[in-house]
Amino acid sequence: MKKIKVDLVSRIEGHGNIYIELSNNKLKNIRFEVFEGPRLFETLVLEKTPEEVLNIVCRICAICNVSHRYSAIRALEKIGNIKVPKEITLLRDLAHYGEMLESHSLHLFFLSLPDFLGFPDAVSMAEKFPELVQIGLKIKKFGNSLMEKILGRIMHGENMIIGGFGRYLTLEELSNIKKEAEKLLPEAIKAWEITHDLHYTTFGEESMLFVCLKPPTDEYGFWGDEVLISNGEEYPVEKFYSFIEEKILPYSSAKHSYYQNRPYMVGALARMSLLGERLHNASAEAFKKSYSLSWIRNPLYNNLAQAIEIIFSLEKVISTTEELLKGLSSLKETSLTYQKFNGKAVGSVEAPRGTLFHYYEFKNKKCVKANLIIPTAQNYASIEQHLKTCVCNIIKKFGTKEEEMIKEAEKIIRAYDPCISCSCHIVKTS
């Protein structure tokens, strides 16, 4: 019996271990262990007003705070039967693109690319690829500034509220955002070209079930009220949410999610595989030159999918600011009042790491039940499936070569871009 353990996988958000158990030169067991303390947000929001719920749940994650806020708003506005003008949605989308840019650039340039370019970290990588690191820093900085301008601050901004915004951008601010995005677009394309030419190993290849939201139009996008599944099925978000089976495992403080007893993947690779044909302009060209049937089997291509989504997000920042420049000046600061707030709803958006579900029930303006299903929690079962395939294939090729197993296993985990701290939501409420 041989046991291999990697304590604290590096270059991911949060704390996770890899545990491999071999017997007679065969894989007996493999786990991605998550041992962080549970985040009790589902109980923190109980007996809170809609506004209080909104300001609590966006603090689940500093990186994905826009997605959490946006998902919650979408659920709360359903419960309150609150409709917003198109310009409000466009401005929310603009903040959402900023989050995609800062999160994807952090993961792609600084956490994942060192795996492919042969470096232990981004600092070492910068010596040989200074331009690539600079591009990543500029895109991340722009994404952060976008969120700060729209939401009031980089992390946990509170300007996006139920019904609209507390303050709206000026036309000058919108114009400057557009100009900056136009400058960055050629650099994002250059980064995609480098990512496209990387060598993607095939040890972990295994068929995958993809899930993402279906945008309300025929465009590529990051929110919707229907779910697309790669087996051809489609469901309203409320129905798909009810189908998700969350399981608690003894070695994880985060739930594992299954659909019809199958692991499934959410995230950039799922979105690109299901919606890539909807892209236009430079992002469409990048997708056409990048996509292959390997994408539906190899999670490492999540990195390349993120590179294309960076291009897409910059293109959408440009087109969205153009639209807002025409109609935003007519909007006023939001002052919302309501007499009743009862009911239940699911709000969902695509966070950088995948489909995010926020479920709430309200009685007499107070939250009586909540459940939040985080993208990384939905990906855990899929991660372990690919780790198992990877180690079995390495044993066939190299034997029980520990160094090779660890290197490829870590590469797969990092490709999923896990946000472990956000995923720890083990709580039972009556």
Protein backbone atom coordinates (compact mmCIF):
# COMPACT_ATOMS: atom_id res chain seq x y z
CA MET A 1 0.00 0.00 0.00
CA LYS A 2 1.38 3.42 -0.97
CA LYS A 3 -0.11 6.74 0.11
CA ILE A 4 0.66 10.09 -1.52
CA LYS A 5 -0.56 13.33 -0.03
CA VAL A 6 -0.12 16.92 -1.19
CA ASP A 7 -0.88 19.31 1.64
CA LEU A 8 -2.25 22.67 0.52
CA VAL A 9 -2.28 22.68 -3.27
CA SER A 10 -0.58 25.91 -4.31
CA ARG A 11 -1.85 28.68 -6.59
CA ILE A 12 -5.54 28.18 -5.86
CA GLU A 13 -7.92 30.19 -3.67
CA GLY A 14 -8.38 28.41 -0.34
CA HIS A 15 -7.00 25.25 1.22
CA GLY A 16 -7.27 21.83 -0.37
CA ASN A 17 -5.25 18.60 -0.30
CA ILE A 18 -4.73 15.78 -2.78
CA TYR A 19 -4.83 12.26 -1.34
CA ILE A 20 -3.82 9.29 -3.51
CA GLU A 21 -3.83 5.68 -2.37
CA LEU A 22 -2.17 2.96 -4.46
CA SER A 23 -2.32 -0.82 -4.04
CA ASN A 24 -0.37 -3.32 -6.16
CA ASN A 25 0.60 -0.50 -8.54
CA LYS A 26 -3.04 0.40 -9.13
CA LEU A 27 -5.14 3.34 -8.00
CA LYS A 28 -7.28 2.40 -5.03
CA ASN A 29 -8.57 5.81 -3.96
CA ILE A 30 -8.16 9.49 -4.80
CA ARG A 31 -9.67 12.50 -3.08
CA PHE A 32 -9.56 16.27 -3.31
CA GLU A 33 -9.89 17.08 0.37
CA VAL A 34 -11.44 20.36 1.49
CA PHE A 35 -11.11 21.10 5.17
CA GLU A 36 -11.86 24.81 5.61
CA GLY A 37 -14.45 25.84 8.16
CA PRO A 38 -18.03 26.06 6.83
CA ARG A 39 -19.30 29.48 5.80
CA LEU A 40 -22.67 29.96 7.46
CA PHE A 41 -24.16 32.54 5.12
CA GLU A 42 -27.44 30.63 4.75
CA THR A 43 -28.07 31.13 8.46
CA LEU A 44 -26.62 34.64 8.65
CA VAL A 45 -29.37 35.94 6.37
CA LEU A 46 -32.29 34.46 8.30
CA GLU A 47 -34.76 37.06 9.62
CA LYS A 48 -32.99 39.75 7.57
CA THR A 49 -34.65 42.24 5.21
CA PRO A 50 -34.01 42.06 1.46
CA GLU A 51 -31.47 44.89 1.64
CA GLU A 52 -29.66 43.26 4.54
CA VAL A 53 -29.54 39.91 2.71
CA LEU A 54 -28.06 41.61 -0.33
CA ASN A 55 -25.30 43.30 1.65
CA ILE A 56 -24.42 40.09 3.50
CA VAL A 57 -24.21 37.60 0.62
CA CYS A 58 -21.95 39.73 -1.58
CA ARG A 59 -19.32 39.23 1.13
CA ILE A 60 -19.08 35.51 0.42
CA CYS A 61 -16.25 36.31 -1.99
CA ALA A 62 -13.99 39.30 -2.59
CA ILE A 63 -13.21 38.14 -6.13
CA CYS A 64 -16.77 37.21 -7.16
CA ASN A 65 -18.71 39.75 -5.11
CA VAL A 66 -20.44 41.15 -8.22
CA SER A 67 -21.79 37.73 -9.19
CA HIS A 68 -23.12 37.07 -5.68
CA ARG A 69 -24.73 40.50 -5.54
CA TYR A 70 -26.18 40.14 -9.03
CA SER A 71 -27.59 36.64 -8.34
CA ALA A 72 -29.19 37.85 -5.12
CA ILE A 73 -30.67 40.92 -6.82
CA ARG A 74 -32.15 38.76 -9.57
CA ALA A 75 -33.83 36.53 -6.97
CA LEU A 76 -35.01 39.40 -4.78
CA GLU A 77 -36.45 41.37 -7.69
CA LYS A 78 -38.39 38.26 -8.75
CA ILE A 79 -39.88 37.97 -5.26
CA GLY A 80 -40.71 41.69 -5.16
CA ASN A 81 -41.97 41.69 -8.78
CA ILE A 82 -39.62 44.57 -9.50
CA LYS A 83 -38.86 45.42 -13.14
CA VAL A 84 -35.88 47.53 -14.15
CA PRO A 85 -35.13 49.48 -17.34
CA LYS A 86 -32.72 48.09 -19.93
CA GLU A 87 -30.06 50.63 -18.94
CA ILE A 88 -29.99 49.26 -15.38
CA THR A 89 -29.31 45.77 -16.71
CA LEU A 90 -26.58 47.08 -19.02
CA LEU A 91 -24.83 48.86 -16.17
CA ARG A 92 -25.02 45.73 -14.01
CA ASP A 93 -23.59 43.75 -16.91
CA LEU A 94 -20.75 46.24 -17.20
CA ALA A 95 -19.75 45.59 -13.58
CA HIS A 96 -20.09 41.87 -14.26
CA TYR A 97 -17.65 42.12 -17.20
CA GLY A 98 -15.22 43.88 -14.89
CA GLU A 99 -15.38 40.93 -12.49
CA MET A 100 -14.80 38.47 -15.33
CA LEU A 101 -11.75 40.43 -16.44
CA GLU A 102 -10.13 40.71 -13.01
CA SER A 103 -10.89 37.11 -12.03
CA HIS A 104 -9.92 35.45 -15.32
CA SER A 105 -6.71 37.48 -15.60
CA LEU A 106 -5.71 36.58 -12.05
CA HIS A 107 -6.26 32.88 -12.67
CA LEU A 108 -4.95 32.62 -16.21
CA PHE A 109 -1.80 34.73 -16.00
CA PHE A 110 -0.72 34.20 -12.41
CA LEU A 111 -2.11 30.88 -11.17
CA SER A 112 -2.41 28.60 -14.20
CA LEU A 113 0.03 29.67 -16.93
CA PRO A 114 3.13 28.86 -14.84
CA ASP A 115 2.03 25.18 -15.08
CA PHE A 116 2.23 25.29 -18.87
CA LEU A 117 5.33 27.43 -19.23
CA GLY A 118 7.41 25.45 -16.75
CA PHE A 119 7.65 27.83 -13.79
CA PRO A 120 6.81 27.39 -10.10
CA ASP A 121 5.06 30.76 -9.91
CA ALA A 122 4.27 33.96 -11.83
CA VAL A 123 7.24 35.84 -10.34
CA SER A 124 9.64 33.34 -11.89
CA MET A 125 7.63 33.38 -15.13
CA ALA A 126 7.95 37.18 -15.36
CA GLU A 127 11.70 36.94 -15.96
CA LYS A 128 11.19 35.16 -19.30
CA PHE A 129 7.68 36.40 -20.19
CA PRO A 130 7.55 39.99 -18.85
CA GLU A 131 5.12 41.17 -21.55
CA LEU A 132 2.64 38.40 -20.74
CA VAL A 133 2.69 39.24 -17.03
CA GLN A 134 2.27 42.94 -17.82
CA ILE A 135 -0.76 42.20 -19.98
CA GLY A 136 -2.30 40.22 -17.12
CA LEU A 137 -1.67 43.03 -14.65
CA LYS A 138 -3.20 45.65 -16.94
CA ILE A 139 -6.36 43.61 -17.60
CA LYS A 140 -6.77 42.85 -13.91
CA LYS A 141 -6.29 46.50 -12.97
CA PHE A 142 -8.89 47.56 -15.54
CA GLY A 143 -11.40 44.99 -14.26
CA ASN A 144 -10.90 46.22 -10.70
CA SER A 145 -11.29 49.88 -11.72
CA LEU A 146 -14.50 49.04 -13.59
CA MET A 147 -16.04 47.48 -10.48
CA GLU A 148 -14.84 50.35 -8.32
CA LYS A 149 -16.40 52.99 -10.59
CA ILE A 150 -19.75 51.22 -10.87
CA LEU A 151 -20.12 49.68 -7.40
CA GLY A 152 -18.34 52.26 -5.25
CA ARG A 153 -15.29 50.20 -4.36
CA ILE A 154 -13.27 47.29 -5.72
CA MET A 155 -14.51 44.73 -3.19
CA HIS A 156 -18.01 44.40 -1.79
CA GLY A 157 -19.26 47.57 -3.41
CA GLU A 158 -22.84 48.45 -2.45
CA ASN A 159 -23.91 50.84 -5.20
CA MET A 160 -25.79 48.13 -7.14
CA ILE A 161 -29.06 47.80 -5.25
CA ILE A 162 -32.53 46.29 -5.62
CA GLY A 163 -34.27 48.24 -8.36
CA GLY A 164 -31.21 49.99 -9.74
CA PHE A 165 -28.20 51.91 -8.44
CA GLY A 166 -27.53 54.51 -5.79
CA ARG A 167 -25.34 56.51 -8.19
CA TYR A 168 -24.95 56.30 -11.96
CA LEU A 169 -21.81 56.79 -13.99
CA THR A 170 -21.29 60.06 -15.79
CA LEU A 171 -20.98 60.18 -19.57
CA GLU A 172 -17.33 61.14 -19.18
CA GLU A 173 -16.67 58.07 -17.01
CA LEU A 174 -18.36 55.82 -19.56
CA SER A 175 -16.35 57.35 -22.40
CA ASN A 176 -13.07 56.79 -20.53
CA ILE A 177 -14.02 53.15 -19.80
CA LYS A 178 -14.67 52.57 -23.49
CA LYS A 179 -11.30 54.05 -24.52
CA GLU A 180 -9.41 51.92 -22.00
CA ALA A 181 -11.14 48.73 -23.16
CA GLU A 182 -10.27 49.56 -26.77
CA LYS A 183 -6.59 49.88 -25.81
CA LEU A 184 -6.57 46.55 -23.98
CA LEU A 185 -8.36 44.48 -26.62
CA PRO A 186 -5.29 43.92 -28.88
CA GLU A 187 -3.26 42.86 -25.84
CA ALA A 188 -5.93 40.37 -24.78
CA ILE A 189 -5.85 38.90 -28.29
CA LYS A 190 -2.06 38.57 -28.02
CA ALA A 191 -2.43 36.72 -24.69
CA TRP A 192 -5.00 34.36 -26.26
CA GLU A 193 -2.54 33.56 -29.06
CA ILE A 194 0.06 32.49 -26.49
CA THR A 195 -2.51 30.44 -24.56
CA HIS A 196 -3.70 28.84 -27.81
CA ASP A 197 -0.21 27.55 -28.59
CA LEU A 198 0.36 25.84 -25.24
CA HIS A 199 0.65 22.06 -24.93
CA TYR A 200 -2.40 20.56 -23.23
CA THR A 201 -1.63 17.10 -21.85
CA THR A 202 -4.30 14.41 -22.22
CA PHE A 203 -3.88 12.30 -19.06
CA GLY A 204 -7.12 13.57 -17.54
CA GLU A 205 -9.34 13.30 -20.59
CA GLU A 206 -12.77 11.98 -19.71
CA SER A 207 -16.19 12.78 -21.13
CA MET A 208 -17.87 15.69 -19.37
CA LEU A 209 -21.38 16.92 -18.80
CA PHE A 210 -21.50 20.72 -19.19
CA VAL A 211 -23.99 23.11 -17.60
CA CYS A 212 -24.44 26.85 -18.09
CA LEU A 213 -27.17 29.49 -18.23
CA LYS A 214 -28.95 30.20 -21.50
CA PRO A 215 -28.87 33.95 -22.23
CA PRO A 216 -32.26 35.55 -22.98
CA THR A 217 -31.14 36.47 -26.53
CA ASP A 218 -29.16 34.61 -29.17
CA GLU A 219 -25.97 36.28 -27.92
CA TYR A 220 -23.23 34.90 -25.66
CA GLY A 221 -23.76 36.12 -22.12
CA PHE A 222 -23.38 35.65 -18.38
CA TRP A 223 -26.95 35.46 -17.08
CA GLY A 224 -30.33 33.98 -17.89
CA ASP A 225 -33.41 32.28 -16.49
CA GLU A 226 -32.91 28.94 -18.24
CA VAL A 227 -30.21 26.28 -17.92
CA LEU A 228 -28.54 24.54 -20.86
CA ILE A 229 -27.08 21.04 -20.45
CA SER A 230 -24.74 19.41 -22.95
CA ASN A 231 -27.01 16.34 -23.18
CA GLY A 232 -29.53 18.55 -24.99
CA GLU A 233 -31.84 19.25 -22.06
CA GLU A 234 -33.03 22.72 -21.02
CA TYR A 235 -34.79 23.77 -17.84
CA PRO A 236 -35.90 26.95 -16.08
CA VAL A 237 -33.36 27.81 -13.39
CA GLU A 238 -35.87 26.96 -10.65
CA LYS A 239 -36.38 23.47 -12.00
CA PHE A 240 -32.70 22.72 -12.59
CA TYR A 241 -31.89 24.04 -9.11
CA SER A 242 -34.36 21.50 -7.68
CA PHE A 243 -32.63 18.71 -9.63
CA ILE A 244 -29.18 19.40 -8.15
CA GLU A 245 -28.32 16.73 -5.61
CA GLU A 246 -25.93 18.02 -2.97
CA LYS A 247 -23.99 15.37 -1.07
CA ILE A 248 -21.86 15.68 2.05
CA LEU A 249 -18.66 13.63 2.07
CA PRO A 250 -16.59 12.91 5.20
CA TYR A 251 -13.38 14.45 3.82
CA SER A 252 -14.89 17.71 2.58
CA SER A 253 -16.39 20.72 4.33
CA ALA A 254 -17.99 21.58 0.98
CA LYS A 255 -20.85 19.70 -0.64
CA HIS A 256 -20.44 17.81 -3.91
CA SER A 257 -23.12 18.40 -6.54
CA TYR A 258 -24.59 15.92 -9.01
CA TYR A 259 -27.18 16.02 -11.78
CA GLN A 260 -28.95 12.69 -12.33
CA ASN A 261 -26.16 11.02 -10.34
CA ARG A 262 -23.55 12.41 -12.71
CA PRO A 263 -20.75 14.88 -12.03
CA TYR A 264 -20.97 17.98 -14.19
CA MET A 265 -18.76 20.95 -14.99
CA VAL A 266 -19.59 24.65 -14.89
CA GLY A 267 -17.33 27.53 -15.88
CA ALA A 268 -15.72 29.09 -18.94
CA LEU A 269 -15.17 25.74 -20.68
CA ALA A 270 -18.83 24.79 -20.22
CA ARG A 271 -20.01 28.19 -21.45
CA MET A 272 -17.74 28.12 -24.50
CA SER A 273 -18.71 24.55 -25.38
CA LEU A 274 -22.44 25.33 -25.18
CA LEU A 275 -22.53 28.96 -26.35
CA GLY A 276 -19.35 29.52 -28.35
CA GLU A 277 -21.16 29.62 -31.69
CA ARG A 278 -22.97 32.76 -30.46
CA LEU A 279 -19.77 34.82 -30.27
CA HIS A 280 -18.97 37.66 -32.68
CA ASN A 281 -15.95 39.65 -33.82
CA ALA A 282 -12.52 38.88 -32.33
CA SER A 283 -13.82 36.48 -29.68
CA ALA A 284 -15.65 34.48 -32.37
CA GLU A 285 -12.48 34.28 -34.44
CA ALA A 286 -10.51 33.11 -31.41
CA PHE A 287 -13.13 30.46 -30.63
CA LYS A 288 -13.17 29.12 -34.20
CA LYS A 289 -9.37 28.82 -34.21
CA SER A 290 -9.28 27.22 -30.75
CA TYR A 291 -12.21 24.85 -30.43
CA SER A 292 -11.79 21.12 -30.99
CA LEU A 293 -13.48 17.94 -29.78
CA SER A 294 -10.78 17.71 -27.09
CA TRP A 295 -12.63 20.53 -25.30
CA ILE A 296 -15.47 18.22 -24.31
CA ARG A 297 -13.03 15.83 -22.58
CA ASN A 298 -10.13 17.86 -21.24
CA PRO A 299 -10.60 20.34 -18.37
CA LEU A 300 -7.23 21.97 -19.09
CA TYR A 301 -8.93 23.84 -21.93
CA ASN A 302 -10.78 25.87 -19.32
CA ASN A 303 -7.71 28.11 -19.39
CA LEU A 304 -8.05 28.74 -23.12
CA ALA A 305 -11.79 29.31 -22.72
CA GLN A 306 -11.05 31.97 -20.10
CA ALA A 307 -8.61 33.67 -22.49
CA ILE A 308 -11.41 33.91 -25.07
CA GLU A 309 -13.86 35.20 -22.45
CA ILE A 310 -11.39 37.98 -21.63
CA ILE A 311 -11.57 39.08 -25.28
CA PHE A 312 -15.37 38.76 -25.23
CA SER A 313 -15.68 40.79 -22.00
CA LEU A 314 -13.57 43.63 -23.40
CA GLU A 315 -15.65 43.64 -26.58
CA LYS A 316 -18.83 43.79 -24.49
CA VAL A 317 -17.43 46.62 -22.34
CA ILE A 318 -16.95 48.61 -25.56
CA SER A 319 -20.40 47.88 -27.01
CA THR A 320 -22.19 48.26 -23.65
CA THR A 321 -20.64 51.66 -22.92
CA GLU A 322 -21.70 52.75 -26.41
CA GLU A 323 -25.30 51.82 -25.60
CA LEU A 324 -25.19 53.44 -22.19
CA LEU A 325 -23.80 56.67 -23.60
CA LYS A 326 -27.07 56.99 -25.51
CA GLY A 327 -29.53 56.41 -22.65
CA LEU A 328 -27.99 56.48 -19.17
CA SER A 329 -28.40 60.21 -18.56
CA SER A 330 -32.18 59.78 -18.29
CA LEU A 331 -31.94 57.53 -15.22
CA LYS A 332 -32.30 58.79 -11.66
CA GLU A 333 -30.90 57.47 -8.37
CA THR A 334 -33.07 54.64 -7.09
CA SER A 335 -35.40 55.08 -4.14
CA LEU A 336 -37.39 51.88 -3.67
CA THR A 337 -40.29 51.29 -1.31
CA TYR A 338 -42.57 48.28 -1.08
CA GLN A 339 -45.43 47.22 1.17
CA LYS A 340 -45.18 43.45 0.73
CA PHE A 341 -42.24 41.15 0.17
CA ASN A 342 -43.32 37.50 0.25
CA GLY A 343 -42.46 34.48 -1.85
CA LYS A 344 -39.53 32.43 -3.07
CA ALA A 345 -37.25 32.57 -6.09
CA VAL A 346 -33.94 31.49 -7.59
CA GLY A 347 -31.55 34.09 -8.99
CA SER A 348 -28.68 32.90 -11.13
CA VAL A 349 -25.74 34.36 -13.05
CA GLU A 350 -22.54 33.00 -14.48
CA ALA A 351 -19.75 33.75 -12.02
CA PRO A 352 -16.21 33.52 -13.44
CA ARG A 353 -16.00 29.93 -12.15
CA GLY A 354 -19.44 28.89 -13.34
CA THR A 355 -23.18 28.94 -12.72
CA LEU A 356 -24.16 30.41 -9.36
CA PHE A 357 -27.56 29.81 -7.74
CA HIS A 358 -29.11 31.95 -4.98
CA TYR A 359 -32.38 30.66 -3.51
CA TYR A 360 -34.45 32.70 -1.01
CA GLU A 361 -37.82 32.48 0.70
CA PHE A 362 -39.38 35.56 2.35
CA LYS A 363 -42.33 36.06 4.68
CA ASN A 364 -43.36 39.50 5.87
CA LYS A 365 -40.23 41.13 4.45
CA LYS A 366 -37.92 38.73 6.32
CA CYS A 367 -35.83 35.90 4.91
CA VAL A 368 -36.95 32.54 6.28
CA LYS A 369 -34.84 30.23 4.11
CA ALA A 370 -31.78 30.47 1.86
CA ASN A 371 -29.51 28.15 -0.07
CA LEU A 372 -26.53 29.15 -2.17
CA ILE A 373 -24.99 26.66 -4.62
CA ILE A 374 -21.49 27.79 -5.51
CA PRO A 375 -19.76 26.96 -8.84
CA THR A 376 -16.76 25.27 -7.21
CA ALA A 377 -19.03 23.02 -5.15
CA GLN A 378 -20.68 21.96 -8.41
CA ASN A 379 -17.26 21.18 -9.90
CA TYR A 380 -15.80 19.03 -7.08
CA ALA A 381 -17.21 15.72 -8.32
CA SER A 382 -15.99 16.49 -11.83
CA ILE A 383 -12.55 17.42 -10.51
CA GLU A 384 -12.24 14.09 -8.72
CA GLN A 385 -13.42 12.23 -11.81
CA HIS A 386 -10.63 13.79 -13.88
CA LEU A 387 -8.05 13.27 -11.14
CA LYS A 388 -8.90 9.56 -11.11
CA THR A 389 -8.60 9.28 -14.90
CA CYS A 390 -5.36 11.25 -14.87
CA VAL A 391 -3.62 9.09 -12.25
CA CYS A 392 -4.76 5.84 -13.89
CA ASN A 393 -3.35 6.97 -17.24
CA ILE A 394 -0.07 8.09 -15.68
CA ILE A 395 0.32 4.70 -14.01
CA LYS A 396 -0.17 3.03 -17.41
CA LYS A 397 2.52 5.21 -19.00
CA PHE A 398 5.05 5.86 -16.24
CA GLY A 399 4.19 3.42 -13.47
CA THR A 400 3.72 4.80 -9.96
CA LYS A 401 5.85 7.87 -10.62
CA GLU A 402 4.85 10.16 -7.77
CA GLU A 403 6.26 13.39 -9.21
CA GLU A 404 4.33 13.01 -12.47
CA MET A 405 1.07 12.20 -10.67
CA ILE A 406 1.31 15.26 -8.45
CA LYS A 407 2.28 17.62 -11.28
CA GLU A 408 -0.61 16.60 -13.52
CA ALA A 409 -3.14 16.38 -10.68
CA GLU A 410 -2.33 19.92 -9.54
CA LYS A 411 -2.55 21.18 -13.11
CA ILE A 412 -6.09 19.77 -13.42
CA ILE A 413 -7.22 21.28 -10.13
CA ARG A 414 -5.82 24.68 -11.03
CA ALA A 415 -7.43 24.55 -14.49
CA TYR A 416 -10.86 24.41 -12.80
CA ASP A 417 -9.97 27.70 -11.04
CA PRO A 418 -11.51 26.57 -7.73
CA CYS A 419 -12.65 29.09 -5.13
CA ILE A 420 -12.53 26.73 -2.15
CA SER A 421 -13.42 29.15 0.65
CA CYS A 422 -16.64 30.18 -1.12
CA SER A 423 -17.68 26.56 -1.60
CA CYS A 424 -17.83 25.55 2.07
CA HIS A 425 -21.58 25.79 2.73
CA ILE A 426 -22.51 22.82 4.86
CA VAL A 427 -25.50 23.89 6.87
CA LYS A 428 -28.96 22.45 7.53
CA THR A 429 -31.85 24.74 8.31
CA SER A 430 -35.36 23.73 9.26
